[in-house]
Every structure is written in C-alpha cells, then in structure tokens.
Amino acid sequence: MKAYLIEHPKLKWQGISTWPPRVGGAYGPGDKFPMPGEGNLENVEIREEDYIGPKRLSVTVDFMGRKYSGQLPADDPQVVTNLYQFLKKHLGEPVSEIGKQLVDL
C-alpha cells in the first residue's frame, strides 16, 4: 500500500503515528531544540527487539549543527525493515521533505 510517509497507516506504534520521529539529545542554554520534522536525516539503523522495546529504527537528525537521536517503532516489524531501506536512500535530506514522499511499506 502506497501512501505519503507522514500519513502512512502502517507507520504506527500502538495506534500513534511515529512519523516524523521525535528526537532528543544534550543541549545547553540558548540552544533551540528541534520540533518533530525539523533537521536533516543523518543516519538510520535497525535495532532488534530487546529490553528497551520492539524492533525499531534508531535515527539521527542534524539540526543547526547538532546531532539529535530518536527511536522509530512500528507495530509490524516488516514495516521497520521496509522503512529502513527507504530512509537509507534519503540520508542528508530534510525530515519534513522525506515525509512528503510516497512509500510502500
């Protein structure tokens, strides 16, 4: 099923959409923290199911010269694998623009 990533019905974890990824990290006074969808996708890796959670993607986003990371789970583990393959082709691109892409998960 093809749909825009930002509204893809398969990209959900326990009923909640997981795109755009929520990211966090260390920051200091005066640093602007990225809102979901801000920044460029820098890296994506598959994390297998473990004590932290289910099979998921670990994403790194570059925002204003700083690196922020987050987790991107999905109810269906195959969606994680398919999304990984898709996102690897979009490294360096703005997260907001990636969400506008049609994808078959």
PDB file of N, CA and C in Angstrom:
ATOM      1  N   MET A   1       0.840  -1.186   0.000  1.00  0.00           N
ATOM      2  CA  MET A   1       0.000   0.000   0.000  1.00  0.00           C
ATOM      3  C   MET A   1       0.879   1.241   0.000  1.00  0.00           C
ATOM      4  N   LYS A   2       0.724   2.076  -1.028  1.00  0.00           N
ATOM      5  CA  LYS A   2       1.494   3.314  -1.119  1.00  0.00           C
ATOM      6  C   LYS A   2       0.722   4.449  -0.460  1.00  0.00           C
ATOM      7  N   ALA A   3       1.469   5.260   0.297  1.00  0.00           N
ATOM      8  CA  ALA A   3       0.896   6.450   0.925  1.00  0.00           C
ATOM      9  C   ALA A   3       2.044   7.403   1.246  1.00  0.00           C
ATOM     10  N   TYR A   4       1.709   8.650   1.509  1.00  0.00           N
ATOM     11  CA  TYR A   4       2.740   9.599   1.924  1.00  0.00           C
ATOM     12  C   TYR A   4       3.231   9.178   3.308  1.00  0.00           C
ATOM     13  N   LEU A   5       4.534   9.241   3.490  1.00  0.00           N
ATOM     14  CA  LEU A   5       5.131   8.766   4.733  1.00  0.00           C
ATOM     15  C   LEU A   5       4.490   9.421   5.957  1.00  0.00           C
ATOM     16  N   ILE A   6       4.254  10.713   5.904  1.00  0.00           N
ATOM     17  CA  ILE A   6       3.734  11.428   7.068  1.00  0.00           C
ATOM     18  C   ILE A   6       2.347  10.952   7.498  1.00  0.00           C
ATOM     19  N   GLU A   7       1.619  10.322   6.572  1.00  0.00           N
ATOM     20  CA  GLU A   7       0.267   9.856   6.923  1.00  0.00           C
ATOM     21  C   GLU A   7       0.083   8.368   6.661  1.00  0.00           C
ATOM     22  N   HIS A   8       1.185   7.640   6.518  1.00  0.00           N
ATOM     23  CA  HIS A   8       1.095   6.215   6.178  1.00  0.00           C
ATOM     24  C   HIS A   8       0.407   5.444   7.310  1.00  0.00           C
ATOM     25  N   PRO A   9      -0.666   4.696   6.999  1.00  0.00           N
ATOM     26  CA  PRO A   9      -1.399   3.985   8.048  1.00  0.00           C
ATOM     27  C   PRO A   9      -0.610   2.857   8.709  1.00  0.00           C
ATOM     28  N   LYS A  10       0.431   2.347   8.061  1.00  0.00           N
ATOM     29  CA  LYS A  10       1.221   1.276   8.668  1.00  0.00           C
ATOM     30  C   LYS A  10       2.322   1.797   9.595  1.00  0.00           C
ATOM     31  N   LEU A  11       2.569   3.090   9.563  1.00  0.00           N
ATOM     32  CA  LEU A  11       3.643   3.653  10.373  1.00  0.00           C
ATOM     33  C   LEU A  11       3.078   4.147  11.706  1.00  0.00           C
ATOM     34  N   LYS A  12       2.661   3.150  12.490  1.00  0.00           N
ATOM     35  CA  LYS A  12       2.064   3.437  13.801  1.00  0.00           C
ATOM     36  C   LYS A  12       2.649   2.488  14.841  1.00  0.00           C
ATOM     37  N   TRP A  13       2.712   2.977  16.053  1.00  0.00           N
ATOM     38  CA  TRP A  13       3.107   2.161  17.200  1.00  0.00           C
ATOM     39  C   TRP A  13       2.015   2.323  18.242  1.00  0.00           C
ATOM     40  N   GLN A  14       1.317   1.242  18.530  1.00  0.00           N
ATOM     41  CA  GLN A  14       0.209   1.231  19.484  1.00  0.00           C
ATOM     42  C   GLN A  14      -0.804   2.326  19.172  1.00  0.00           C
ATOM     43  N   GLY A  15      -1.100   2.464  17.868  1.00  0.00           N
ATOM     44  CA  GLY A  15      -2.125   3.397  17.426  1.00  0.00           C
ATOM     45  C   GLY A  15      -1.678   4.831  17.228  1.00  0.00           C
ATOM     46  N   ILE A  16      -0.419   5.143  17.500  1.00  0.00           N
ATOM     47  CA  ILE A  16       0.085   6.519  17.400  1.00  0.00           C
ATOM     48  C   ILE A  16       1.083   6.601  16.247  1.00  0.00           C
ATOM     49  N   SER A  17       0.911   7.598  15.390  1.00  0.00           N
ATOM     50  CA  SER A  17       1.816   7.801  14.270  1.00  0.00           C
ATOM     51  C   SER A  17       3.238   8.064  14.782  1.00  0.00           C
ATOM     52  N   THR A  18       4.227   7.461  14.131  1.00  0.00           N
ATOM     53  CA  THR A  18       5.613   7.646  14.577  1.00  0.00           C
ATOM     54  C   THR A  18       6.437   8.486  13.597  1.00  0.00           C
ATOM     55  N   TRP A  19       5.792   9.063  12.595  1.00  0.00           N
ATOM     56  CA  TRP A  19       6.497   9.981  11.702  1.00  0.00           C
ATOM     57  C   TRP A  19       5.864  11.345  11.781  1.00  0.00           C
ATOM     58  N   PRO A  20       6.639  12.411  11.933  1.00  0.00           N
ATOM     59  CA  PRO A  20       8.089  12.449  11.965  1.00  0.00           C
ATOM     60  C   PRO A  20       8.624  11.953  13.309  1.00  0.00           C
ATOM     61  N   PRO A  21       9.862  11.441  13.287  1.00  0.00           N
ATOM     62  CA  PRO A  21      10.427  10.926  14.537  1.00  0.00           C
ATOM     63  C   PRO A  21      10.642  12.039  15.556  1.00  0.00           C
ATOM     64  N   ARG A  22      10.410  11.718  16.801  1.00  0.00           N
ATOM     65  CA  ARG A  22      10.699  12.652  17.895  1.00  0.00           C
ATOM     66  C   ARG A  22      12.129  12.386  18.316  1.00  0.00           C
ATOM     67  N   VAL A  23      12.936  13.434  18.371  1.00  0.00           N
ATOM     68  CA  VAL A  23      14.348  13.272  18.695  1.00  0.00           C
ATOM     69  C   VAL A  23      14.702  14.121  19.907  1.00  0.00           C
ATOM     70  N   GLY A  24      15.778  13.736  20.556  1.00  0.00           N
ATOM     71  CA  GLY A  24      16.261  14.471  21.721  1.00  0.00           C
ATOM     72  C   GLY A  24      17.767  14.355  21.807  1.00  0.00           C
ATOM     73  N   GLY A  25      18.312  15.030  22.773  1.00  0.00           N
ATOM     74  CA  GLY A  25      19.755  14.991  22.970  1.00  0.00           C
ATOM     75  C   GLY A  25      20.171  16.058  23.955  1.00  0.00           C
ATOM     76  N   ALA A  26      21.462  16.117  24.198  1.00  0.00           N
ATOM     77  CA  ALA A  26      22.008  17.113  25.126  1.00  0.00           C
ATOM     78  C   ALA A  26      22.022  18.480  24.439  1.00  0.00           C
ATOM     79  N   TYR A  27      21.687  19.473  25.176  1.00  0.00           N
ATOM     80  CA  TYR A  27      21.739  20.822  24.650  1.00  0.00           C
ATOM     81  C   TYR A  27      21.991  21.776  25.810  1.00  0.00           C
ATOM     82  N   GLY A  28      22.487  22.957  25.479  1.00  0.00           N
ATOM     83  CA  GLY A  28      22.835  23.928  26.509  1.00  0.00           C
ATOM     84  C   GLY A  28      21.924  25.135  26.482  1.00  0.00           C
ATOM     85  N   PRO A  29      22.171  26.072  27.391  1.00  0.00           N
ATOM     86  CA  PRO A  29      21.355  27.288  27.441  1.00  0.00           C
ATOM     87  C   PRO A  29      21.382  28.024  26.099  1.00  0.00           C
ATOM     88  N   GLY A  30      20.226  28.413  25.635  1.00  0.00           N
ATOM     89  CA  GLY A  30      20.115  29.147  24.379  1.00  0.00           C
ATOM     90  C   GLY A  30      20.019  28.280  23.142  1.00  0.00           C
ATOM     91  N   ASP A  31      20.255  26.975  23.280  1.00  0.00           N
ATOM     92  CA  ASP A  31      20.134  26.086  22.123  1.00  0.00           C
ATOM     93  C   ASP A  31      18.663  25.891  21.785  1.00  0.00           C
ATOM     94  N   LYS A  32      18.364  25.897  20.503  1.00  0.00           N
ATOM     95  CA  LYS A  32      16.997  25.628  20.051  1.00  0.00           C
ATOM     96  C   LYS A  32      16.840  24.128  19.863  1.00  0.00           C
ATOM     97  N   PHE A  33      15.854  23.553  20.486  1.00  0.00           N
ATOM     98  CA  PHE A  33      15.594  22.122  20.396  1.00  0.00           C
ATOM     99  C   PHE A  33      14.704  21.859  19.198  1.00  0.00           C
ATOM    100  N   PRO A  34      14.997  20.825  18.382  1.00  0.00           N
ATOM    101  CA  PRO A  34      14.199  20.595  17.174  1.00  0.00           C
ATOM    102  C   PRO A  34      12.797  20.088  17.474  1.00  0.00           C
ATOM    103  N   MET A  35      11.853  20.619  16.753  1.00  0.00           N
ATOM    104  CA  MET A  35      10.480  20.122  16.792  1.00  0.00           C
ATOM    105  C   MET A  35      10.409  18.930  15.831  1.00  0.00           C
ATOM    106  N   PRO A  36       9.423  18.041  15.990  1.00  0.00           N
ATOM    107  CA  PRO A  36       9.302  16.923  15.054  1.00  0.00           C
ATOM    108  C   PRO A  36       9.246  17.420  13.614  1.00  0.00           C
ATOM    109  N   GLY A  37      10.089  16.850  12.765  1.00  0.00           N
ATOM    110  CA  GLY A  37      10.135  17.229  11.358  1.00  0.00           C
ATOM    111  C   GLY A  37      11.240  18.200  11.012  1.00  0.00           C
ATOM    112  N   GLU A  38      11.881  18.804  12.002  1.00  0.00           N
ATOM    113  CA  GLU A  38      12.967  19.742  11.730  1.00  0.00           C
ATOM    114  C   GLU A  38      14.295  18.994  11.619  1.00  0.00           C
ATOM    115  N   GLY A  39      15.197  19.533  10.817  1.00  0.00           N
ATOM    116  CA  GLY A  39      16.531  18.976  10.669  1.00  0.00           C
ATOM    117  C   GLY A  39      16.646  18.044   9.480  1.00  0.00           C
ATOM    118  N   ASN A  40      17.862  17.578   9.258  1.00  0.00           N
ATOM    119  CA  ASN A  40      18.165  16.665   8.161  1.00  0.00           C
ATOM    120  C   ASN A  40      18.462  15.283   8.715  1.00  0.00           C
ATOM    121  N   LEU A  41      17.972  14.264   8.022  1.00  0.00           N
ATOM    122  CA  LEU A  41      18.227  12.889   8.428  1.00  0.00           C
ATOM    123  C   LEU A  41      19.694  12.570   8.195  1.00  0.00           C
ATOM    124  N   GLU A  42      20.397  12.235   9.251  1.00  0.00           N
ATOM    125  CA  GLU A  42      21.833  11.968   9.149  1.00  0.00           C
ATOM    126  C   GLU A  42      22.148  10.473   9.114  1.00  0.00           C
ATOM    127  N   ASN A  43      21.442   9.686   9.910  1.00  0.00           N
ATOM    128  CA  ASN A  43      21.731   8.250   9.963  1.00  0.00           C
ATOM    129  C   ASN A  43      20.477   7.498  10.389  1.00  0.00           C
ATOM    130  N   VAL A  44      20.425   6.241   9.980  1.00  0.00           N
ATOM    131  CA  VAL A  44      19.330   5.358  10.383  1.00  0.00           C
ATOM    132  C   VAL A  44      19.907   3.951  10.544  1.00  0.00           C
ATOM    133  N   GLU A  45      19.521   3.282  11.622  1.00  0.00           N
ATOM    134  CA  GLU A  45      19.980   1.926  11.900  1.00  0.00           C
ATOM    135  C   GLU A  45      18.815   1.108  12.446  1.00  0.00           C
ATOM    136  N   ILE A  46      18.845  -0.192  12.163  1.00  0.00           N
ATOM    137  CA  ILE A  46      17.832  -1.093  12.721  1.00  0.00           C
ATOM    138  C   ILE A  46      18.299  -1.552  14.093  1.00  0.00           C
ATOM    139  N   ARG A  47      17.395  -1.495  15.060  1.00  0.00           N
ATOM    140  CA  ARG A  47      17.625  -2.035  16.402  1.00  0.00           C
ATOM    141  C   ARG A  47      16.678  -3.204  16.575  1.00  0.00           C
ATOM    142  N   GLU A  48      17.227  -4.335  16.911  1.00  0.00           N
ATOM    143  CA  GLU A  48      16.401  -5.524  17.106  1.00  0.00           C
ATOM    144  C   GLU A  48      15.660  -5.430  18.439  1.00  0.00           C
ATOM    145  N   GLU A  49      14.637  -6.239  18.594  1.00  0.00           N
ATOM    146  CA  GLU A  49      13.869  -6.269  19.836  1.00  0.00           C
ATOM    147  C   GLU A  49      14.806  -6.578  20.995  1.00  0.00           C
ATOM    148  N   ASP A  50      14.669  -5.817  22.076  1.00  0.00           N
ATOM    149  CA  ASP A  50      15.497  -6.018  23.265  1.00  0.00           C
ATOM    150  C   ASP A  50      14.734  -5.530  24.488  1.00  0.00           C
ATOM    151  N   TYR A  51      15.413  -5.363  25.594  1.00  0.00           N
ATOM    152  CA  TYR A  51      14.744  -4.945  26.830  1.00  0.00           C
ATOM    153  C   TYR A  51      14.189  -3.526  26.750  1.00  0.00           C
ATOM    154  N   ILE A  52      14.677  -2.724  25.795  1.00  0.00           N
ATOM    155  CA  ILE A  52      14.183  -1.360  25.636  1.00  0.00           C
ATOM    156  C   ILE A  52      12.859  -1.338  24.889  1.00  0.00           C
ATOM    157  N   GLY A  53      12.725  -2.213  23.899  1.00  0.00           N
ATOM    158  CA  GLY A  53      11.499  -2.199  23.121  1.00  0.00           C
ATOM    159  C   GLY A  53      11.536  -3.147  21.941  1.00  0.00           C
ATOM    160  N   PRO A  54      10.548  -3.001  21.046  1.00  0.00           N
ATOM    161  CA  PRO A  54      10.428  -3.890  19.877  1.00  0.00           C
ATOM    162  C   PRO A  54      11.466  -3.543  18.811  1.00  0.00           C
ATOM    163  N   LYS A  55      11.480  -4.311  17.741  1.00  0.00           N
ATOM    164  CA  LYS A  55      12.314  -3.973  16.591  1.00  0.00           C
ATOM    165  C   LYS A  55      11.925  -2.572  16.153  1.00  0.00           C
ATOM    166  N   ARG A  56      12.930  -1.728  15.918  1.00  0.00           N
ATOM    167  CA  ARG A  56      12.665  -0.323  15.640  1.00  0.00           C
ATOM    168  C   ARG A  56      13.843   0.280  14.887  1.00  0.00           C
ATOM    169  N   LEU A  57      13.676   1.512  14.447  1.00  0.00           N
ATOM    170  CA  LEU A  57      14.773   2.245  13.836  1.00  0.00           C
ATOM    171  C   LEU A  57      15.327   3.240  14.835  1.00  0.00           C
ATOM    172  N   SER A  58      16.615   3.385  14.811  1.00  0.00           N
ATOM    173  CA  SER A  58      17.290   4.440  15.540  1.00  0.00           C
ATOM    174  C   SER A  58      17.668   5.487  14.499  1.00  0.00           C
ATOM    175  N   VAL A  59      17.234   6.727  14.694  1.00  0.00           N
ATOM    176  CA  VAL A  59      17.507   7.784  13.724  1.00  0.00           C
ATOM    177  C   VAL A  59      18.342   8.884  14.365  1.00  0.00           C
ATOM    178  N   THR A  60      19.192   9.473  13.544  1.00  0.00           N
ATOM    179  CA  THR A  60      19.979  10.641  13.966  1.00  0.00           C
ATOM    180  C   THR A  60      19.644  11.774  13.016  1.00  0.00           C
ATOM    181  N   VAL A  61      19.361  12.929  13.602  1.00  0.00           N
ATOM    182  CA  VAL A  61      18.989  14.116  12.843  1.00  0.00           C
ATOM    183  C   VAL A  61      20.001  15.219  13.152  1.00  0.00           C
ATOM    184  N   ASP A  62      20.428  15.920  12.107  1.00  0.00           N
ATOM    185  CA  ASP A  62      21.287  17.089  12.275  1.00  0.00           C
ATOM    186  C   ASP A  62      20.392  18.321  12.259  1.00  0.00           C
ATOM    187  N   PHE A  63      20.474  19.110  13.327  1.00  0.00           N
ATOM    188  CA  PHE A  63      19.662  20.324  13.434  1.00  0.00           C
ATOM    189  C   PHE A  63      20.556  21.452  13.939  1.00  0.00           C
ATOM    190  N   MET A  64      20.765  22.438  13.088  1.00  0.00           N
ATOM    191  CA  MET A  64      21.584  23.596  13.429  1.00  0.00           C
ATOM    192  C   MET A  64      22.981  23.178  13.922  1.00  0.00           C
ATOM    193  N   GLY A  65      23.545  22.182  13.245  1.00  0.00           N
ATOM    194  CA  GLY A  65      24.903  21.755  13.561  1.00  0.00           C
ATOM    195  C   GLY A  65      25.032  20.812  14.735  1.00  0.00           C
ATOM    196  N   ARG A  66      23.931  20.421  15.343  1.00  0.00           N
ATOM    197  CA  ARG A  66      23.963  19.480  16.464  1.00  0.00           C
ATOM    198  C   ARG A  66      23.249  18.197  16.080  1.00  0.00           C
ATOM    199  N   LYS A  67      23.648  17.109  16.717  1.00  0.00           N
ATOM    200  CA  LYS A  67      23.056  15.794  16.440  1.00  0.00           C
ATOM    201  C   LYS A  67      22.036  15.452  17.517  1.00  0.00           C
ATOM    202  N   TYR A  68      20.884  14.992  17.072  1.00  0.00           N
ATOM    203  CA  TYR A  68      19.817  14.553  17.958  1.00  0.00           C
ATOM    204  C   TYR A  68      19.395  13.155  17.518  1.00  0.00           C
ATOM    205  N   SER A  69      18.988  12.326  18.465  1.00  0.00           N
ATOM    206  CA  SER A  69      18.619  10.953  18.106  1.00  0.00           C
ATOM    207  C   SER A  69      17.246  10.602  18.664  1.00  0.00           C
ATOM    208  N   GLY A  70      16.657   9.586  18.048  1.00  0.00           N
ATOM    209  CA  GLY A  70      15.357   9.117  18.487  1.00  0.00           C
ATOM    210  C   GLY A  70      15.104   7.703  17.990  1.00  0.00           C
ATOM    211  N   GLN A  71      14.003   7.142  18.437  1.00  0.00           N
ATOM    212  CA  GLN A  71      13.604   5.787  18.073  1.00  0.00           C
ATOM    213  C   GLN A  71      12.318   5.863  17.260  1.00  0.00           C
ATOM    214  N   LEU A  72      12.204   4.964  16.288  1.00  0.00           N
ATOM    215  CA  LEU A  72      11.040   4.952  15.425  1.00  0.00           C
ATOM    216  C   LEU A  72      10.514   3.520  15.339  1.00  0.00           C
ATOM    217  N   PRO A  73       9.570   3.160  16.219  1.00  0.00           N
ATOM    218  CA  PRO A  73       8.997   1.808  16.193  1.00  0.00           C
ATOM    219  C   PRO A  73       7.784   1.735  15.263  1.00  0.00           C
ATOM    220  N   ALA A  74       7.359   0.525  14.984  1.00  0.00           N
ATOM    221  CA  ALA A  74       6.120   0.280  14.232  1.00  0.00           C
ATOM    222  C   ALA A  74       5.529  -1.026  14.743  1.00  0.00           C
ATOM    223  N   ASP A  75       4.212  -1.131  14.704  1.00  0.00           N
ATOM    224  CA  ASP A  75       3.554  -2.352  15.179  1.00  0.00           C
ATOM    225  C   ASP A  75       3.997  -3.587  14.395  1.00  0.00           C
ATOM    226  N   ASP A  76       4.235  -3.429  13.101  1.00  0.00           N
ATOM    227  CA  ASP A  76       4.640  -4.532  12.236  1.00  0.00           C
ATOM    228  C   ASP A  76       6.154  -4.481  12.012  1.00  0.00           C
ATOM    229  N   PRO A  77       6.910  -5.482  12.467  1.00  0.00           N
ATOM    230  CA  PRO A  77       8.364  -5.472  12.288  1.00  0.00           C
ATOM    231  C   PRO A  77       8.803  -5.372  10.828  1.00  0.00           C
ATOM    232  N   GLN A  78       7.993  -5.873   9.887  1.00  0.00           N
ATOM    233  CA  GLN A  78       8.362  -5.770   8.472  1.00  0.00           C
ATOM    234  C   GLN A  78       8.345  -4.314   8.011  1.00  0.00           C
ATOM    235  N   VAL A  79       7.485  -3.504   8.590  1.00  0.00           N
ATOM    236  CA  VAL A  79       7.442  -2.080   8.262  1.00  0.00           C
ATOM    237  C   VAL A  79       8.775  -1.436   8.633  1.00  0.00           C
ATOM    238  N   VAL A  80       9.356  -1.830   9.757  1.00  0.00           N
ATOM    239  CA  VAL A  80      10.651  -1.293  10.185  1.00  0.00           C
ATOM    240  C   VAL A  80      11.714  -1.594   9.130  1.00  0.00           C
ATOM    241  N   THR A  81      11.750  -2.816   8.646  1.00  0.00           N
ATOM    242  CA  THR A  81      12.724  -3.212   7.627  1.00  0.00           C
ATOM    243  C   THR A  81      12.516  -2.430   6.333  1.00  0.00           C
ATOM    244  N   ASN A  82      11.278  -2.317   5.890  1.00  0.00           N
ATOM    245  CA  ASN A  82      10.976  -1.584   4.653  1.00  0.00           C
ATOM    246  C   ASN A  82      11.301  -0.100   4.792  1.00  0.00           C
ATOM    247  N   LEU A  83      10.982   0.483   5.942  1.00  0.00           N
ATOM    248  CA  LEU A  83      11.260   1.894   6.172  1.00  0.00           C
ATOM    249  C   LEU A  83      12.762   2.155   6.216  1.00  0.00           C
ATOM    250  N   TYR A  84      13.509   1.243   6.798  1.00  0.00           N
ATOM    251  CA  TYR A  84      14.965   1.368   6.832  1.00  0.00           C
ATOM    252  C   TYR A  84      15.519   1.470   5.408  1.00  0.00           C
ATOM    253  N   GLN A  85      15.086   0.578   4.547  1.00  0.00           N
ATOM    254  CA  GLN A  85      15.569   0.585   3.161  1.00  0.00           C
ATOM    255  C   GLN A  85      15.202   1.895   2.460  1.00  0.00           C
ATOM    256  N   PHE A  86      14.026   2.407   2.730  1.00  0.00           N
ATOM    257  CA  PHE A  86      13.581   3.667   2.139  1.00  0.00           C
ATOM    258  C   PHE A  86      14.412   4.840   2.671  1.00  0.00           C
ATOM    259  N   LEU A  87      14.580   4.915   3.987  1.00  0.00           N
ATOM    260  CA  LEU A  87      15.265   6.053   4.589  1.00  0.00           C
ATOM    261  C   LEU A  87      16.749   6.108   4.241  1.00  0.00           C
ATOM    262  N   LYS A  88      17.386   4.960   4.051  1.00  0.00           N
ATOM    263  CA  LYS A  88      18.807   4.951   3.676  1.00  0.00           C
ATOM    264  C   LYS A  88      19.039   5.723   2.377  1.00  0.00           C
ATOM    265  N   LYS A  89      18.039   5.760   1.515  1.00  0.00           N
ATOM    266  CA  LYS A  89      18.153   6.478   0.237  1.00  0.00           C
ATOM    267  C   LYS A  89      17.953   7.983   0.405  1.00  0.00           C
ATOM    268  N   HIS A  90      17.531   8.410   1.595  1.00  0.00           N
ATOM    269  CA  HIS A  90      17.205   9.823   1.814  1.00  0.00           C
ATOM    270  C   HIS A  90      18.083  10.485   2.882  1.00  0.00           C
ATOM    271  N   LEU A  91      19.219   9.868   3.179  1.00  0.00           N
ATOM    272  CA  LEU A  91      20.141  10.471   4.146  1.00  0.00           C
ATOM    273  C   LEU A  91      20.584  11.846   3.640  1.00  0.00           C
ATOM    274  N   GLY A  92      20.663  12.796   4.549  1.00  0.00           N
ATOM    275  CA  GLY A  92      21.065  14.156   4.200  1.00  0.00           C
ATOM    276  C   GLY A  92      19.917  15.061   3.824  1.00  0.00           C
ATOM    277  N   GLU A  93      18.740  14.497   3.620  1.00  0.00           N
ATOM    278  CA  GLU A  93      17.578  15.287   3.218  1.00  0.00           C
ATOM    279  C   GLU A  93      16.809  15.787   4.442  1.00  0.00           C
ATOM    280  N   PRO A  94      16.063  16.899   4.284  1.00  0.00           N
ATOM    281  CA  PRO A  94      15.226  17.392   5.384  1.00  0.00           C
ATOM    282  C   PRO A  94      14.143  16.375   5.762  1.00  0.00           C
ATOM    283  N   VAL A  95      13.962  16.167   7.041  1.00  0.00           N
ATOM    284  CA  VAL A  95      12.946  15.228   7.530  1.00  0.00           C
ATOM    285  C   VAL A  95      11.564  15.645   7.034  1.00  0.00           C
ATOM    286  N   SER A  96      11.306  16.940   6.996  1.00  0.00           N
ATOM    287  CA  SER A  96       9.992  17.421   6.540  1.00  0.00           C
ATOM    288  C   SER A  96       9.732  17.041   5.087  1.00  0.00           C
ATOM    289  N   GLU A  97      10.756  17.049   4.244  1.00  0.00           N
ATOM    290  CA  GLU A  97      10.596  16.685   2.834  1.00  0.00           C
ATOM    291  C   GLU A  97      10.469  15.172   2.665  1.00  0.00           C
ATOM    292  N   ILE A  98      11.178  14.404   3.484  1.00  0.00           N
ATOM    293  CA  ILE A  98      11.082  12.951   3.414  1.00  0.00           C
ATOM    294  C   ILE A  98       9.643  12.513   3.701  1.00  0.00           C
ATOM    295  N   GLY A  99       9.002  13.182   4.633  1.00  0.00           N
ATOM    296  CA  GLY A  99       7.623  12.847   4.998  1.00  0.00           C
ATOM    297  C   GLY A  99       6.629  13.063   3.877  1.00  0.00           C
ATOM    298  N   LYS A 100       7.007  13.824   2.859  1.00  0.00           N
ATOM    299  CA  LYS A 100       6.120  14.097   1.725  1.00  0.00           C
ATOM    300  C   LYS A 100       6.273  13.076   0.599  1.00  0.00           C
ATOM    301  N   GLN A 101       7.144  12.092   0.797  1.00  0.00           N
ATOM    302  CA  GLN A 101       7.400  11.072  -0.217  1.00  0.00           C
ATOM    303  C   GLN A 101       6.357   9.956  -0.157  1.00  0.00           C
ATOM    304  N   LEU A 102       6.010   9.444  -1.325  1.00  0.00           N
ATOM    305  CA  LEU A 102       5.156   8.259  -1.398  1.00  0.00           C
ATOM    306  C   LEU A 102       6.022   7.043  -1.118  1.00  0.00           C
ATOM    307  N   VAL A 103       5.531   6.152  -0.258  1.00  0.00           N
ATOM    308  CA  VAL A 103       6.299   4.968   0.103  1.00  0.00           C
ATOM    309  C   VAL A 103       5.351   3.777   0.252  1.00  0.00           C
ATOM    310  N   ASP A 104       5.847   2.624  -0.122  1.00  0.00           N
ATOM    311  CA  ASP A 104       5.089   1.384   0.025  1.00  0.00           C
ATOM    312  C   ASP A 104       5.722   0.597   1.166  1.00  0.00           C
ATOM    313  N   LEU A 105       5.083   0.620   2.320  1.00  0.00           N
ATOM    314  CA  LEU A 105       5.619  -0.066   3.484  1.00  0.00           C
ATOM    315  C   LEU A 105       4.951  -1.417   3.657  1.00  0.00           C
TER     316      LEU A 105
END
